[in-house]
C-alpha atoms as a PDB file:
ATOM      1  CA  MET A   1     -16.784 -14.919   1.344  1.00  0.00           C
ATOM      2  CA  SER A   2     -18.113 -11.386   1.807  1.00  0.00           C
ATOM      3  CA  GLN A   3     -15.342  -9.613   3.661  1.00  0.00           C
ATOM      4  CA  ARG A   4     -11.653  -9.853   4.175  1.00  0.00           C
ATOM      5  CA  SER A   5      -9.914 -11.998   6.755  1.00  0.00           C
ATOM      6  CA  ILE A   6      -8.603 -10.411   9.949  1.00  0.00           C
ATOM      7  CA  SER A   7      -5.220 -11.742   8.862  1.00  0.00           C
ATOM      8  CA  ILE A   8      -5.136  -9.146   6.096  1.00  0.00           C
ATOM      9  CA  ASP A   9      -5.459  -6.394   8.695  1.00  0.00           C
ATOM     10  CA  TYR A  10      -2.411  -7.831  10.452  1.00  0.00           C
ATOM     11  CA  LEU A  11      -0.562  -7.651   7.143  1.00  0.00           C
ATOM     12  CA  LYS A  12      -1.653  -4.052   6.599  1.00  0.00           C
ATOM     13  CA  CYS A  13      -0.251  -3.076  10.002  1.00  0.00           C
ATOM     14  CA  LEU A  14       3.012  -4.862   9.251  1.00  0.00           C
ATOM     15  CA  LEU A  15       3.281  -3.109   5.889  1.00  0.00           C
ATOM     16  CA  ALA A  16       2.489   0.274   7.468  1.00  0.00           C
ATOM     17  CA  ILE A  17       5.281  -0.239   9.986  1.00  0.00           C
ATOM     18  CA  GLY A  18       7.567  -1.162   7.102  1.00  0.00           C
ATOM     19  CA  VAL A  19       6.657   2.114   5.391  1.00  0.00           C
ATOM     20  CA  VAL A  20       7.637   3.998   8.550  1.00  0.00           C
ATOM     21  CA  VAL A  21      10.987   2.186   8.598  1.00  0.00           C
ATOM     22  CA  ALA A  22      11.595   2.968   4.921  1.00  0.00           C
ATOM     23  CA  HIS A  23      10.778   6.665   5.258  1.00  0.00           C
ATOM     24  CA  SER A  24      12.749   6.962   8.494  1.00  0.00           C
ATOM     25  CA  LEU A  25      15.835   5.643   6.716  1.00  0.00           C
ATOM     26  CA  LEU A  26      15.317   7.973   3.758  1.00  0.00           C
ATOM     27  CA  ILE A  27      14.794  11.053   5.933  1.00  0.00           C
ATOM     28  CA  HIS A  28      17.773  10.144   8.124  1.00  0.00           C
ATOM     29  CA  MET A  29      19.871   9.791   4.934  1.00  0.00           C
ATOM     30  CA  ASP A  30      22.715   7.855   6.523  1.00  0.00           C
ATOM     31  CA  LEU A  31      23.024   5.116   3.925  1.00  0.00           C
ATOM     32  CA  ARG A  32      24.702   1.990   5.260  1.00  0.00           C
ATOM     33  CA  GLU A  33      25.102  -1.468   3.806  1.00  0.00           C
ATOM     34  CA  TRP A  34      22.512  -2.952   6.172  1.00  0.00           C
ATOM     35  CA  SER A  35      19.926  -0.287   5.380  1.00  0.00           C
ATOM     36  CA  TYR A  36      20.632  -0.602   1.658  1.00  0.00           C
ATOM     37  CA  LEU A  37      20.164  -4.377   1.741  1.00  0.00           C
ATOM     38  CA  LEU A  38      17.019  -4.083   3.869  1.00  0.00           C
ATOM     39  CA  GLY A  39      15.560  -1.508   1.527  1.00  0.00           C
ATOM     40  CA  MET A  40      16.423  -3.283  -1.702  1.00  0.00           C
ATOM     41  CA  SER A  41      15.351  -6.742  -0.537  1.00  0.00           C
ATOM     42  CA  VAL A  42      12.314  -6.205   1.683  1.00  0.00           C
ATOM     43  CA  LEU A  43      11.145  -2.615   1.831  1.00  0.00           C
ATOM     44  CA  ARG A  44      10.774  -2.168  -1.925  1.00  0.00           C
ATOM     45  CA  SER A  45       8.059  -4.876  -1.808  1.00  0.00           C
ATOM     46  CA  LEU A  46       5.858  -2.816   0.530  1.00  0.00           C
ATOM     47  CA  VAL A  47       3.959  -0.814  -2.093  1.00  0.00           C
ATOM     48  CA  PRO A  48       3.290  -3.850  -4.325  1.00  0.00           C
ATOM     49  CA  ALA A  49       2.044  -5.811  -1.304  1.00  0.00           C
ATOM     50  CA  PHE A  50      -0.194  -2.930  -0.229  1.00  0.00           C
ATOM     51  CA  SER A  51      -1.530  -2.777  -3.794  1.00  0.00           C
ATOM     52  CA  VAL A  52      -2.372  -6.491  -3.790  1.00  0.00           C
ATOM     53  CA  VAL A  53      -4.275  -6.008  -0.521  1.00  0.00           C
ATOM     54  CA  SER A  54      -6.152  -3.017  -1.952  1.00  0.00           C
ATOM     55  CA  GLY A  55      -7.130  -4.899  -5.105  1.00  0.00           C
ATOM     56  CA  PHE A  56      -8.248  -7.911  -3.088  1.00  0.00           C
ATOM     57  CA  CYS A  57     -10.456  -5.801  -0.801  1.00  0.00           C
ATOM     58  CA  PHE A  58     -11.798  -3.792  -3.748  1.00  0.00           C
ATOM     59  CA  PHE A  59     -13.360  -6.971  -5.150  1.00  0.00           C
ATOM     60  CA  PHE A  60     -15.646  -7.223  -2.108  1.00  0.00           C
ATOM     61  CA  THR A  61     -16.384  -3.496  -2.184  1.00  0.00           C
ATOM     62  CA  ARG A  62     -17.451  -3.834  -5.806  1.00  0.00           C
ATOM     63  CA  SER A  63     -19.424  -7.002  -5.059  1.00  0.00           C
ATOM     64  CA  ARG A  64     -21.530  -4.988  -2.597  1.00  0.00           C
ATOM     65  CA  GLY A  65     -22.175  -2.348  -5.253  1.00  0.00           C
ATOM     66  CA  LYS A  66     -20.208   0.321  -3.390  1.00  0.00           C
ATOM     67  CA  SER A  67     -17.236   0.845  -5.707  1.00  0.00           C
ATOM     68  CA  ARG A  68     -18.231   4.357  -6.797  1.00  0.00           C
ATOM     69  CA  LYS A  69     -18.998   5.440  -3.254  1.00  0.00           C
ATOM     70  CA  TRP A  70     -15.669   4.003  -2.096  1.00  0.00           C
ATOM     71  CA  LEU A  71     -13.833   5.749  -4.928  1.00  0.00           C
ATOM     72  CA  SER A  72     -15.480   9.085  -4.107  1.00  0.00           C
ATOM     73  CA  GLY A  73     -14.456   8.663  -0.482  1.00  0.00           C
ATOM     74  CA  LEU A  74     -10.894   7.871  -1.516  1.00  0.00           C
ATOM     75  CA  VAL A  75     -10.725  11.052  -3.581  1.00  0.00           C
ATOM     76  CA  LEU A  76     -11.898  13.064  -0.566  1.00  0.00           C
ATOM     77  CA  VAL A  77      -9.324  11.347   1.656  1.00  0.00           C
ATOM     78  CA  TYR A  78      -6.581  12.168  -0.833  1.00  0.00           C
ATOM     79  CA  ALA A  79      -7.724  15.798  -1.064  1.00  0.00           C
ATOM     80  CA  PHE A  80      -7.804  16.156   2.730  1.00  0.00           C
ATOM     81  CA  TRP A  81      -4.309  14.771   3.330  1.00  0.00           C
ATOM     82  CA  THR A  82      -2.875  16.663   0.370  1.00  0.00           C
ATOM     83  CA  LEU A  83      -4.152  19.890   1.928  1.00  0.00           C
ATOM     84  CA  PHE A  84      -2.950  18.766   5.353  1.00  0.00           C
ATOM     85  CA  TYR A  85       0.618  18.424   4.063  1.00  0.00           C
ATOM     86  CA  VAL A  86       0.577  21.563   1.878  1.00  0.00           C
ATOM     87  CA  PRO A  87       3.044  23.469   4.125  1.00  0.00           C
ATOM     88  CA  ILE A  88       5.566  20.683   3.554  1.00  0.00           C
ATOM     89  CA  TRP A  89       5.270  19.590  -0.076  1.00  0.00           C
ATOM     90  CA  LEU A  90       4.359  22.912  -1.736  1.00  0.00           C
ATOM     91  CA  LYS A  91       7.647  24.729  -1.064  1.00  0.00           C
ATOM     92  CA  PRO A  92       9.769  23.374  -3.968  1.00  0.00           C
ATOM     93  CA  TYR A  93       7.191  24.293  -6.629  1.00  0.00           C
ATOM     94  CA  SER A  94       7.043  27.736  -8.188  1.00  0.00           C
ATOM     95  CA  THR A  95       4.418  27.389 -10.934  1.00  0.00           C
ATOM     96  CA  LEU A  96       0.840  26.157 -11.102  1.00  0.00           C
ATOM     97  CA  HIS A  97       1.857  23.552 -13.688  1.00  0.00           C
ATOM     98  CA  GLU A  98       4.371  22.023 -11.292  1.00  0.00           C
ATOM     99  CA  VAL A  99       1.799  21.944  -8.515  1.00  0.00           C
ATOM    100  CA  LEU A 100      -0.775  20.218 -10.717  1.00  0.00           C
ATOM    101  CA  ILE A 101       1.762  17.609 -11.827  1.00  0.00           C
ATOM    102  CA  ALA A 102       2.650  16.956  -8.180  1.00  0.00           C
ATOM    103  CA  VAL A 103      -1.007  16.550  -7.216  1.00  0.00           C
ATOM    104  CA  VAL A 104      -1.738  14.227 -10.142  1.00  0.00           C
ATOM    105  CA  PHE A 105       1.178  11.916  -9.385  1.00  0.00           C
ATOM    106  CA  GLY A 106       0.850  12.289  -5.620  1.00  0.00           C
ATOM    107  CA  THR A 107       2.851  14.287  -3.135  1.00  0.00           C
ATOM    108  CA  MET A 108       5.345  12.582  -0.812  1.00  0.00           C
ATOM    109  CA  HIS A 109       3.943   9.321   0.578  1.00  0.00           C
ATOM    110  CA  LEU A 110       0.488  10.215  -0.728  1.00  0.00           C
ATOM    111  CA  TRP A 111       1.545   9.051  -4.191  1.00  0.00           C
ATOM    112  CA  TYR A 112       0.139   5.658  -3.218  1.00  0.00           C
ATOM    113  CA  ILE A 113      -3.357   7.079  -2.673  1.00  0.00           C
ATOM    114  CA  ALA A 114      -3.181   9.028  -5.939  1.00  0.00           C
ATOM    115  CA  GLY A 115      -2.096   5.856  -7.697  1.00  0.00           C
ATOM    116  CA  LEU A 116      -4.803   3.798  -6.008  1.00  0.00           C
ATOM    117  CA  ILE A 117      -7.445   6.165  -7.378  1.00  0.00           C
ATOM    118  CA  VAL A 118      -6.052   5.589 -10.879  1.00  0.00           C
ATOM    119  CA  ALA A 119      -5.871   1.840 -10.260  1.00  0.00           C
ATOM    120  CA  ALA A 120      -9.501   1.644  -9.098  1.00  0.00           C
ATOM    121  CA  VAL A 121     -10.723   3.551 -12.147  1.00  0.00           C
ATOM    122  CA  LEU A 122      -8.743   1.267 -14.461  1.00  0.00           C
ATOM    123  CA  ILE A 123      -9.978  -1.893 -12.738  1.00  0.00           C
ATOM    124  CA  MET A 124     -13.577  -0.750 -13.035  1.00  0.00           C
ATOM    125  CA  GLY A 125     -13.087   0.186 -16.676  1.00  0.00           C
ATOM    126  CA  PHE A 126     -11.376  -3.027 -17.735  1.00  0.00           C
ATOM    127  CA  LEU A 127     -13.863  -5.146 -15.812  1.00  0.00           C
ATOM    128  CA  ARG A 128     -16.645  -3.403 -17.690  1.00  0.00           C
ATOM    129  CA  LEU A 129     -14.803  -4.140 -20.939  1.00  0.00           C
ATOM    130  CA  GLY A 130     -14.527  -7.767 -19.884  1.00  0.00           C
ATOM    131  CA  GLU A 131     -18.264  -7.895 -19.268  1.00  0.00           C
ATOM    132  CA  ILE A 132     -19.062  -6.355 -22.648  1.00  0.00           C
ATOM    133  CA  THR A 133     -16.687  -8.654 -24.542  1.00  0.00           C
ATOM    134  CA  ARG A 134     -17.417 -11.655 -22.313  1.00  0.00           C
ATOM    135  CA  SER A 135     -13.710 -12.034 -21.714  1.00  0.00           C
ATOM    136  CA  GLY A 136     -13.860 -11.807 -17.919  1.00  0.00           C
ATOM    137  CA  LEU A 137     -10.710 -10.642 -16.160  1.00  0.00           C
ATOM    138  CA  TRP A 138      -8.427 -10.955 -19.173  1.00  0.00           C
ATOM    139  CA  PRO A 139      -8.583  -7.310 -20.376  1.00  0.00           C
ATOM    140  CA  MET A 140      -7.654  -6.138 -16.857  1.00  0.00           C
ATOM    141  CA  LEU A 141      -4.834  -8.665 -16.446  1.00  0.00           C
ATOM    142  CA  LEU A 142      -3.370  -8.053 -19.911  1.00  0.00           C
ATOM    143  CA  ALA A 143      -3.446  -4.278 -19.360  1.00  0.00           C
ATOM    144  CA  ALA A 144      -1.795  -4.782 -15.974  1.00  0.00           C
ATOM    145  CA  LEU A 145       0.999  -6.847 -17.544  1.00  0.00           C
ATOM    146  CA  VAL A 146       1.613  -4.336 -20.331  1.00  0.00           C
ATOM    147  CA  LEU A 147       1.716  -1.349 -17.984  1.00  0.00           C
ATOM    148  CA  TYR A 148       3.966  -3.144 -15.502  1.00  0.00           C
ATOM    149  CA  LEU A 149       6.442  -4.092 -18.226  1.00  0.00           C
ATOM    150  CA  LEU A 150       6.294  -0.522 -19.546  1.00  0.00           C
ATOM    151  CA  GLY A 151       7.227   0.794 -16.114  1.00  0.00           C
ATOM    152  CA  GLN A 152      10.066  -1.715 -15.841  1.00  0.00           C
ATOM    153  CA  ALA A 153      11.327  -0.773 -19.300  1.00  0.00           C
ATOM    154  CA  MET A 154      11.375   2.921 -18.348  1.00  0.00           C
ATOM    155  CA  SER A 155      13.221   2.122 -15.128  1.00  0.00           C
ATOM    156  CA  PHE A 156      15.900   0.069 -16.896  1.00  0.00           C
ATOM    157  CA  TRP A 157      16.282   2.707 -19.603  1.00  0.00           C
ATOM    158  CA  ALA A 158      16.589   5.512 -17.032  1.00  0.00           C
ATOM    159  CA  PHE A 159      19.249   3.532 -15.137  1.00  0.00           C
ATOM    160  CA  PHE A 160      21.446   2.406 -18.009  1.00  0.00           C
ATOM    161  CA  ALA A 161      21.041   5.595 -20.053  1.00  0.00           C
ATOM    162  CA  GLN A 162      21.657   7.641 -16.907  1.00  0.00           C
ATOM    163  CA  SER A 163      18.546   9.605 -17.707  1.00  0.00           C
ATOM    164  CA  ASP A 164      17.143  12.239 -15.380  1.00  0.00           C
ATOM    165  CA  MET A 165      13.623  10.902 -15.892  1.00  0.00           C
ATOM    166  CA  PRO A 166      11.655  11.640 -12.692  1.00  0.00           C
ATOM    167  CA  LEU A 167      10.967   8.606 -10.537  1.00  0.00           C
ATOM    168  CA  GLU A 168       7.233   9.324 -10.524  1.00  0.00           C
ATOM    169  CA  TYR A 169       7.141   8.720 -14.280  1.00  0.00           C
ATOM    170  CA  GLN A 170       8.543   5.237 -13.726  1.00  0.00           C
ATOM    171  CA  ARG A 171       6.638   4.241 -10.583  1.00  0.00           C
ATOM    172  CA  ASN A 172       3.054   5.423 -10.322  1.00  0.00           C
ATOM    173  CA  GLY A 173      -0.526   4.261 -10.312  1.00  0.00           C
ATOM    174  CA  LEU A 174      -0.347   3.042 -13.890  1.00  0.00           C
ATOM    175  CA  THR A 175       2.906   1.088 -13.739  1.00  0.00           C
ATOM    176  CA  VAL A 176       2.974  -0.237 -10.165  1.00  0.00           C
ATOM    177  CA  ILE A 177      -0.230   0.088  -8.187  1.00  0.00           C
ATOM    178  CA  PHE A 178      -2.698  -0.897 -10.898  1.00  0.00           C
ATOM    179  CA  PRO A 179      -0.791  -4.055 -11.963  1.00  0.00           C
ATOM    180  CA  PHE A 180      -0.541  -5.376  -8.406  1.00  0.00           C
ATOM    181  CA  ALA A 181      -4.063  -4.286  -7.494  1.00  0.00           C
ATOM    182  CA  ALA A 182      -5.280  -6.200 -10.555  1.00  0.00           C
ATOM    183  CA  ILE A 183      -3.492  -9.295  -9.246  1.00  0.00           C
ATOM    184  CA  GLY A 184      -5.148  -8.809  -5.854  1.00  0.00           C
ATOM    185  CA  TYR A 185      -8.556  -8.458  -7.494  1.00  0.00           C
ATOM    186  CA  ALA A 186      -8.036 -11.628  -9.522  1.00  0.00           C
ATOM    187  CA  LEU A 187      -6.969 -13.504  -6.378  1.00  0.00           C
ATOM    188  CA  ALA A 188     -10.133 -12.335  -4.622  1.00  0.00           C
ATOM    189  CA  VAL A 189     -12.233 -13.685  -7.495  1.00  0.00           C
ATOM    190  CA  TRP A 190     -10.455 -17.038  -7.238  1.00  0.00           C
ATOM    191  CA  VAL A 191     -10.808 -17.243  -3.447  1.00  0.00           C
ATOM    192  CA  ALA A 192     -14.481 -16.252  -3.609  1.00  0.00           C
ATOM    193  CA  ARG A 193     -15.131 -19.072  -6.062  1.00  0.00           C
ATOM    194  CA  ASN A 194     -12.922 -21.776  -4.580  1.00  0.00           C
ATOM    195  CA  GLY A 195     -12.487 -20.899  -0.913  1.00  0.00           C
ATOM    196  CA  ARG A 196      -9.409 -20.103   1.110  1.00  0.00           C
ATOM    197  CA  ASP A 197      -8.800 -23.744   1.932  1.00  0.00           C
ATOM    198  CA  ARG A 198      -7.941 -24.419  -1.700  1.00  0.00           C
ATOM    199  CA  LEU A 199      -4.828 -22.278  -1.369  1.00  0.00           C
ATOM    200  CA  PRO A 200      -1.485 -24.073  -0.852  1.00  0.00           C
ATOM    201  CA  ARG A 201      -0.695 -25.144   2.693  1.00  0.00           C
ATOM    202  CA  LEU A 202       0.511 -22.422   5.034  1.00  0.00           C
ATOM    203  CA  GLY A 203       3.922 -24.009   5.618  1.00  0.00           C
ATOM    204  CA  LEU A 204       4.538 -24.239   1.883  1.00  0.00           C
ATOM    205  CA  LEU A 205       3.547 -20.609   1.393  1.00  0.00           C
ATOM    206  CA  TRP A 206       5.878 -19.379   4.144  1.00  0.00           C
ATOM    207  CA  LEU A 207       8.695 -21.482   2.715  1.00  0.00           C
ATOM    208  CA  ALA A 208       8.130 -19.843  -0.668  1.00  0.00           C
ATOM    209  CA  VAL A 209       8.098 -16.399   0.979  1.00  0.00           C
ATOM    210  CA  ALA A 210      11.417 -17.136   2.725  1.00  0.00           C
ATOM    211  CA  VAL A 211      12.999 -18.366  -0.510  1.00  0.00           C
ATOM    212  CA  LEU A 212      11.766 -15.392  -2.529  1.00  0.00           C
ATOM    213  CA  PHE A 213      12.877 -12.741  -0.049  1.00  0.00           C
ATOM    214  CA  GLY A 214      16.146 -14.600   0.372  1.00  0.00           C
ATOM    215  CA  ALA A 215      16.582 -14.380  -3.384  1.00  0.00           C
ATOM    216  CA  ARG A 216      15.796 -10.663  -3.210  1.00  0.00           C
ATOM    217  CA  LEU A 217      18.488 -10.264  -0.586  1.00  0.00           C
ATOM    218  CA  VAL A 218      20.992 -12.041  -2.844  1.00  0.00           C
ATOM    219  CA  GLU A 219      19.880  -9.791  -5.708  1.00  0.00           C
ATOM    220  CA  ALA A 220      20.484  -6.704  -3.547  1.00  0.00           C
ATOM    221  CA  MET A 221      23.925  -7.984  -2.511  1.00  0.00           C
ATOM    222  CA  ILE A 222      24.920  -8.510  -6.142  1.00  0.00           C
ATOM    223  CA  VAL A 223      23.727  -5.039  -7.147  1.00  0.00           C
ATOM    224  CA  LEU A 224      25.584  -3.550  -4.176  1.00  0.00           C
ATOM    225  CA  ARG A 225      28.777  -5.313  -5.241  1.00  0.00           C
ATOM    226  CA  LEU A 226      28.436  -4.210  -8.888  1.00  0.00           C
ATOM    227  CA  HIS A 227      27.212  -0.641  -8.496  1.00  0.00           C
ATOM    228  CA  GLY A 228      28.160   0.388  -4.980  1.00  0.00           C
ATOM    229  CA  LEU A 229      26.202   2.061  -2.224  1.00  0.00           C
ATOM    230  CA  SER A 230      23.767   4.454  -3.870  1.00  0.00           C
ATOM    231  CA  LEU A 231      20.085   5.340  -3.981  1.00  0.00           C
ATOM    232  CA  SER A 232      20.347   5.092  -7.765  1.00  0.00           C
ATOM    233  CA  VAL A 233      20.076   1.325  -8.102  1.00  0.00           C
ATOM    234  CA  LEU A 234      19.454  -1.253 -10.778  1.00  0.00           C
ATOM    235  CA  PRO A 235      15.685  -1.802 -11.158  1.00  0.00           C
ATOM    236  CA  GLU A 236      14.357  -4.937  -9.527  1.00  0.00           C
ATOM    237  CA  MET A 237      14.034  -8.189 -11.428  1.00  0.00           C
ATOM    238  CA  PRO A 238      10.385  -8.545 -12.571  1.00  0.00           C
ATOM    239  CA  LEU A 239       9.847 -12.183 -11.567  1.00  0.00           C
ATOM    240  CA  LEU A 240      11.022 -11.693  -7.978  1.00  0.00           C
ATOM    241  CA  ALA A 241       9.346  -8.305  -7.782  1.00  0.00           C
ATOM    242  CA  ILE A 242       5.972  -9.850  -8.640  1.00  0.00           C
ATOM    243  CA  LEU A 243       6.131 -13.150  -6.769  1.00  0.00           C
ATOM    244  CA  ALA A 244       7.507 -11.914  -3.418  1.00  0.00           C
ATOM    245  CA  PRO A 245       4.651  -9.545  -2.437  1.00  0.00           C
ATOM    246  CA  VAL A 246       1.970 -11.806  -3.899  1.00  0.00           C
ATOM    247  CA  LEU A 247       3.182 -14.871  -1.961  1.00  0.00           C
ATOM    248  CA  LEU A 248       3.509 -12.767   1.198  1.00  0.00           C
ATOM    249  CA  PHE A 249      -0.112 -11.730   0.819  1.00  0.00           C
ATOM    250  CA  LEU A 250      -1.256 -15.321   0.245  1.00  0.00           C
ATOM    251  CA  ALA A 251       0.655 -16.515   3.300  1.00  0.00           C
ATOM    252  CA  PHE A 252      -1.170 -14.015   5.510  1.00  0.00           C
ATOM    253  CA  LEU A 253      -4.496 -14.774   3.849  1.00  0.00           C
ATOM    254  CA  ARG A 254      -4.004 -18.477   4.595  1.00  0.00           C
ATOM    255  CA  ALA A 255      -2.934 -17.886   8.205  1.00  0.00           C
ATOM    256  CA  ASP A 256      -5.310 -18.278  11.147  1.00  0.00           C
ATOM    257  CA  LEU A 257      -4.447 -15.247  13.231  1.00  0.00           C
ATOM    258  CA  PRO A 258      -6.394 -14.315  16.374  1.00  0.00           C
ATOM    259  CA  GLU A 259      -8.997 -11.591  16.366  1.00  0.00           C
ATOM    260  CA  VAL A 260      -8.290  -8.518  18.468  1.00  0.00           C
ATOM    261  CA  ASN A 261     -10.491  -5.905  20.104  1.00  0.00           C
ATOM    262  CA  VAL A 262      -9.034  -3.064  18.051  1.00  0.00           C
ATOM    263  CA  ASN A 263      -9.502  -2.068  14.431  1.00  0.00           C
ATOM    264  CA  LEU A 264      -6.113  -2.943  12.940  1.00  0.00           C
ATOM    265  CA  SER A 265      -7.174  -1.557   9.595  1.00  0.00           C
ATOM    266  CA  ASN A 266      -7.678   1.881  11.141  1.00  0.00           C
ATOM    267  CA  TRP A 267      -4.358   1.542  12.946  1.00  0.00           C
ATOM    268  CA  SER A 268      -2.553   0.930   9.681  1.00  0.00           C
ATOM    269  CA  SER A 269      -4.288   3.886   8.025  1.00  0.00           C
ATOM    270  CA  SER A 270      -3.427   6.227  10.888  1.00  0.00           C
ATOM    271  CA  ILE A 271       0.212   5.118  10.837  1.00  0.00           C
ATOM    272  CA  TYR A 272       0.400   5.564   7.080  1.00  0.00           C
ATOM    273  CA  PHE A 273      -1.116   9.040   6.942  1.00  0.00           C
ATOM    274  CA  LEU A 274       0.465  10.561  10.073  1.00  0.00           C
ATOM    275  CA  HIS A 275       3.966   9.070  10.344  1.00  0.00           C
ATOM    276  CA  ILE A 276       5.571  11.621   8.016  1.00  0.00           C
ATOM    277  CA  PHE A 277       4.068  14.470  10.043  1.00  0.00           C
ATOM    278  CA  VAL A 278       5.380  12.929  13.270  1.00  0.00           C
ATOM    279  CA  ILE A 279       8.898  12.391  11.908  1.00  0.00           C
ATOM    280  CA  LEU A 280       9.190  15.869  10.398  1.00  0.00           C
ATOM    281  CA  PHE A 281       7.759  17.439  13.559  1.00  0.00           C
ATOM    282  CA  LEU A 282      10.408  15.733  15.699  1.00  0.00           C
ATOM    283  CA  ARG A 283      13.110  16.669  13.215  1.00  0.00           C
ATOM    284  CA  HIS A 284      12.133  20.319  12.796  1.00  0.00           C
ATOM    285  CA  PHE A 285      11.102  21.317  16.322  1.00  0.00           C
ATOM    286  CA  PHE A 286      13.326  19.062  18.440  1.00  0.00           C
ATOM    287  CA  GLY A 287      16.286  18.478  16.152  1.00  0.00           C
ATOM    288  CA  ILE A 288      15.928  14.707  16.498  1.00  0.00           C
ATOM    289  CA  ASP A 289      17.715  12.721  13.812  1.00  0.00           C
ATOM    290  CA  ASP A 290      17.527   9.125  14.960  1.00  0.00           C
ATOM    291  CA  VAL A 291      16.016   6.264  12.967  1.00  0.00           C
ATOM    292  CA  VAL A 292      14.935   4.286  16.033  1.00  0.00           C
ATOM    293  CA  ILE A 293      13.090   7.278  17.492  1.00  0.00           C
ATOM    294  CA  TYR A 294      11.535   8.028  14.111  1.00  0.00           C
ATOM    295  CA  VAL A 295      10.198   4.492  13.799  1.00  0.00           C
ATOM    296  CA  ALA A 296       8.996   4.246  17.409  1.00  0.00           C
ATOM    297  CA  ALA A 297       7.251   7.618  17.314  1.00  0.00           C
ATOM    298  CA  GLY A 298       6.010   7.194  13.732  1.00  0.00           C
ATOM    299  CA  VAL A 299       4.205   4.007  14.729  1.00  0.00           C
ATOM    300  CA  SER A 300       3.064   4.719  18.290  1.00  0.00           C
ATOM    301  CA  LEU A 301       1.951   8.360  18.117  1.00  0.00           C
ATOM    302  CA  PRO A 302      -0.487   7.911  15.200  1.00  0.00           C
ATOM    303  CA  VAL A 303      -2.024   4.932  17.021  1.00  0.00           C
ATOM    304  CA  ILE A 304      -2.321   6.967  20.232  1.00  0.00           C
ATOM    305  CA  ALA A 305      -3.866   9.826  18.253  1.00  0.00           C
ATOM    306  CA  LEU A 306      -6.396   7.433  16.743  1.00  0.00           C
ATOM    307  CA  MET A 307      -7.285   6.002  20.165  1.00  0.00           C
ATOM    308  CA  CYS A 308      -7.780   9.511  21.538  1.00  0.00           C
ATOM    309  CA  TRP A 309      -9.969  10.405  18.579  1.00  0.00           C
ATOM    310  CA  ASP A 310     -12.077   7.272  19.079  1.00  0.00           C
ATOM    311  CA  ARG A 311     -12.653   8.294  22.708  1.00  0.00           C
ATOM    312  CA  MET A 312     -13.405  11.905  21.864  1.00  0.00           C
ATOM    313  CA  LYS A 313     -15.667  11.211  18.900  1.00  0.00           C
ATOM    314  CA  PRO A 314     -18.815  10.144  20.843  1.00  0.00           C
ATOM    315  CA  VAL A 315     -18.529  13.217  23.059  1.00  0.00           C
ATOM    316  CA  LEU A 316     -18.121  15.530  20.076  1.00  0.00           C
ATOM    317  CA  PHE A 317     -21.018  13.935  18.242  1.00  0.00           C
ATOM    318  CA  ARG A 318     -23.275  14.264  21.296  1.00  0.00           C
ATOM    319  CA  ARG A 319     -22.413  17.931  21.560  1.00  0.00           C
ATOM    320  CA  LEU A 320     -23.210  18.343  17.871  1.00  0.00           C
ATOM    321  CA  GLY A 321     -26.554  16.658  18.412  1.00  0.00           C
ATOM    322  CA  ARG A 322     -25.604  13.572  16.401  1.00  0.00           C
ATOM    323  CA  HIS A 323     -26.163   9.993  17.481  1.00  0.00           C
ATOM    324  CA  ASP A 324     -24.593   6.796  16.277  1.00  0.00           C
ATOM    325  CA  ARG A 325     -26.979   4.768  14.197  1.00  0.00           C
ATOM    326  CA  PRO A 326     -26.925   0.974  14.125  1.00  0.00           C
ATOM    327  CA  ALA A 327     -26.379  -0.803  10.861  1.00  0.00           C
ATOM    328  CA  ALA A 328     -29.368  -2.131   8.911  1.00  0.00           C
ATOM    329  CA  GLY A 329     -30.961  -5.006  10.778  1.00  0.00           C
ATOM    330  CA  GLY A 330     -29.642  -3.828  14.123  1.00  0.00           C
ATOM    331  CA  GLY A 331     -26.220  -5.425  13.689  1.00  0.00           C
ATOM    332  CA  PRO A 332     -22.827  -3.827  14.163  1.00  0.00           C
ATOM    333  CA  ALA A 333     -21.564  -1.431  11.528  1.00  0.00           C
ATOM    334  CA  ARG A 334     -18.416  -3.428  10.815  1.00  0.00           C
ATOM    335  CA  GLN A 335     -18.067  -7.185  10.826  1.00  0.00           C
ATOM    336  CA  THR A 336     -14.976  -9.224  10.101  1.00  0.00           C
ATOM    337  CA  LEU A 337     -15.212 -12.875   9.224  1.00  0.00           C
ATOM    338  CA  ARG A 338     -12.918 -15.305  10.967  1.00  0.00           C
ATOM    339  CA  PRO A 339     -10.254 -16.830   8.754  1.00  0.00           C
ATOM    340  CA  ASP A 340     -11.992 -20.201   8.919  1.00  0.00           C
ATOM    341  CA  GLN A 341     -15.102 -18.627   7.420  1.00  0.00           C
ATOM    342  CA  ILE A 342     -13.310 -17.626   4.231  1.00  0.00           C
END
């Protein structure tokens, strides 16, 4: 296996839409029981699932010897979107120290990209340690477990001690994104060695996903009953928090989903980066405060913008005197293996 399955791109789009739903609910700030239960049972698994996908794909990037180039590109992407959103996120900060802390941990929804940079560096470092010590993936996996448990411990302490510890200290690249990305990387190693067909049957995986997310819903209902309707909630139970996104990822990886004539990966990226801009634009300039409109616009407008850019790009490049170059060997620049080839 040299590249990811198209099914993973479907999952990325689904997760990106989930992120739009989550942020629409938070910006709307009309907390109801249904939105609380949705958020605490399903939506809080979005970032871990995205991290598993990123770690899985990073294995193949590293296998092609492009990890440093990919990491450099990710840093540039983070810098661009951080500057793009400066008029929005910079206002609350009054000192340079506060600004630097915000940039390090990630501003607004960009905290995932900041954390992914940290996760990639850690994965590369611990893999190198594993090579030197001939211990394989174990240094990376043990570090991931320790950091995840550390993050959980901080979250439980902050909740029960009623501490004002900032959320970004509890959930960041070290304590959330790196642990799940490490799991994704390890899964990619296993699939590359054994093949996708060695995974459990698709029906069994989807049954496990249903049971796990059902258990998360029950967990959310219990917390709601004990602590009431509040954004300050009991931290998630580690076992469910780990298994639910991982099994969701495996279910999509095992699925045979049809190929499409669009780049779903680019769709998911456009939705992720632009949805906050779209929602805040509608809210500020048109006074719109409706979750359904936020979700519909936050998903559709970034995709439309991407499609327009794809149409405009050849024209712009021709005017700049640039020409598209074919990939080495005359093949297309991007190829995606069918699920049955994995």
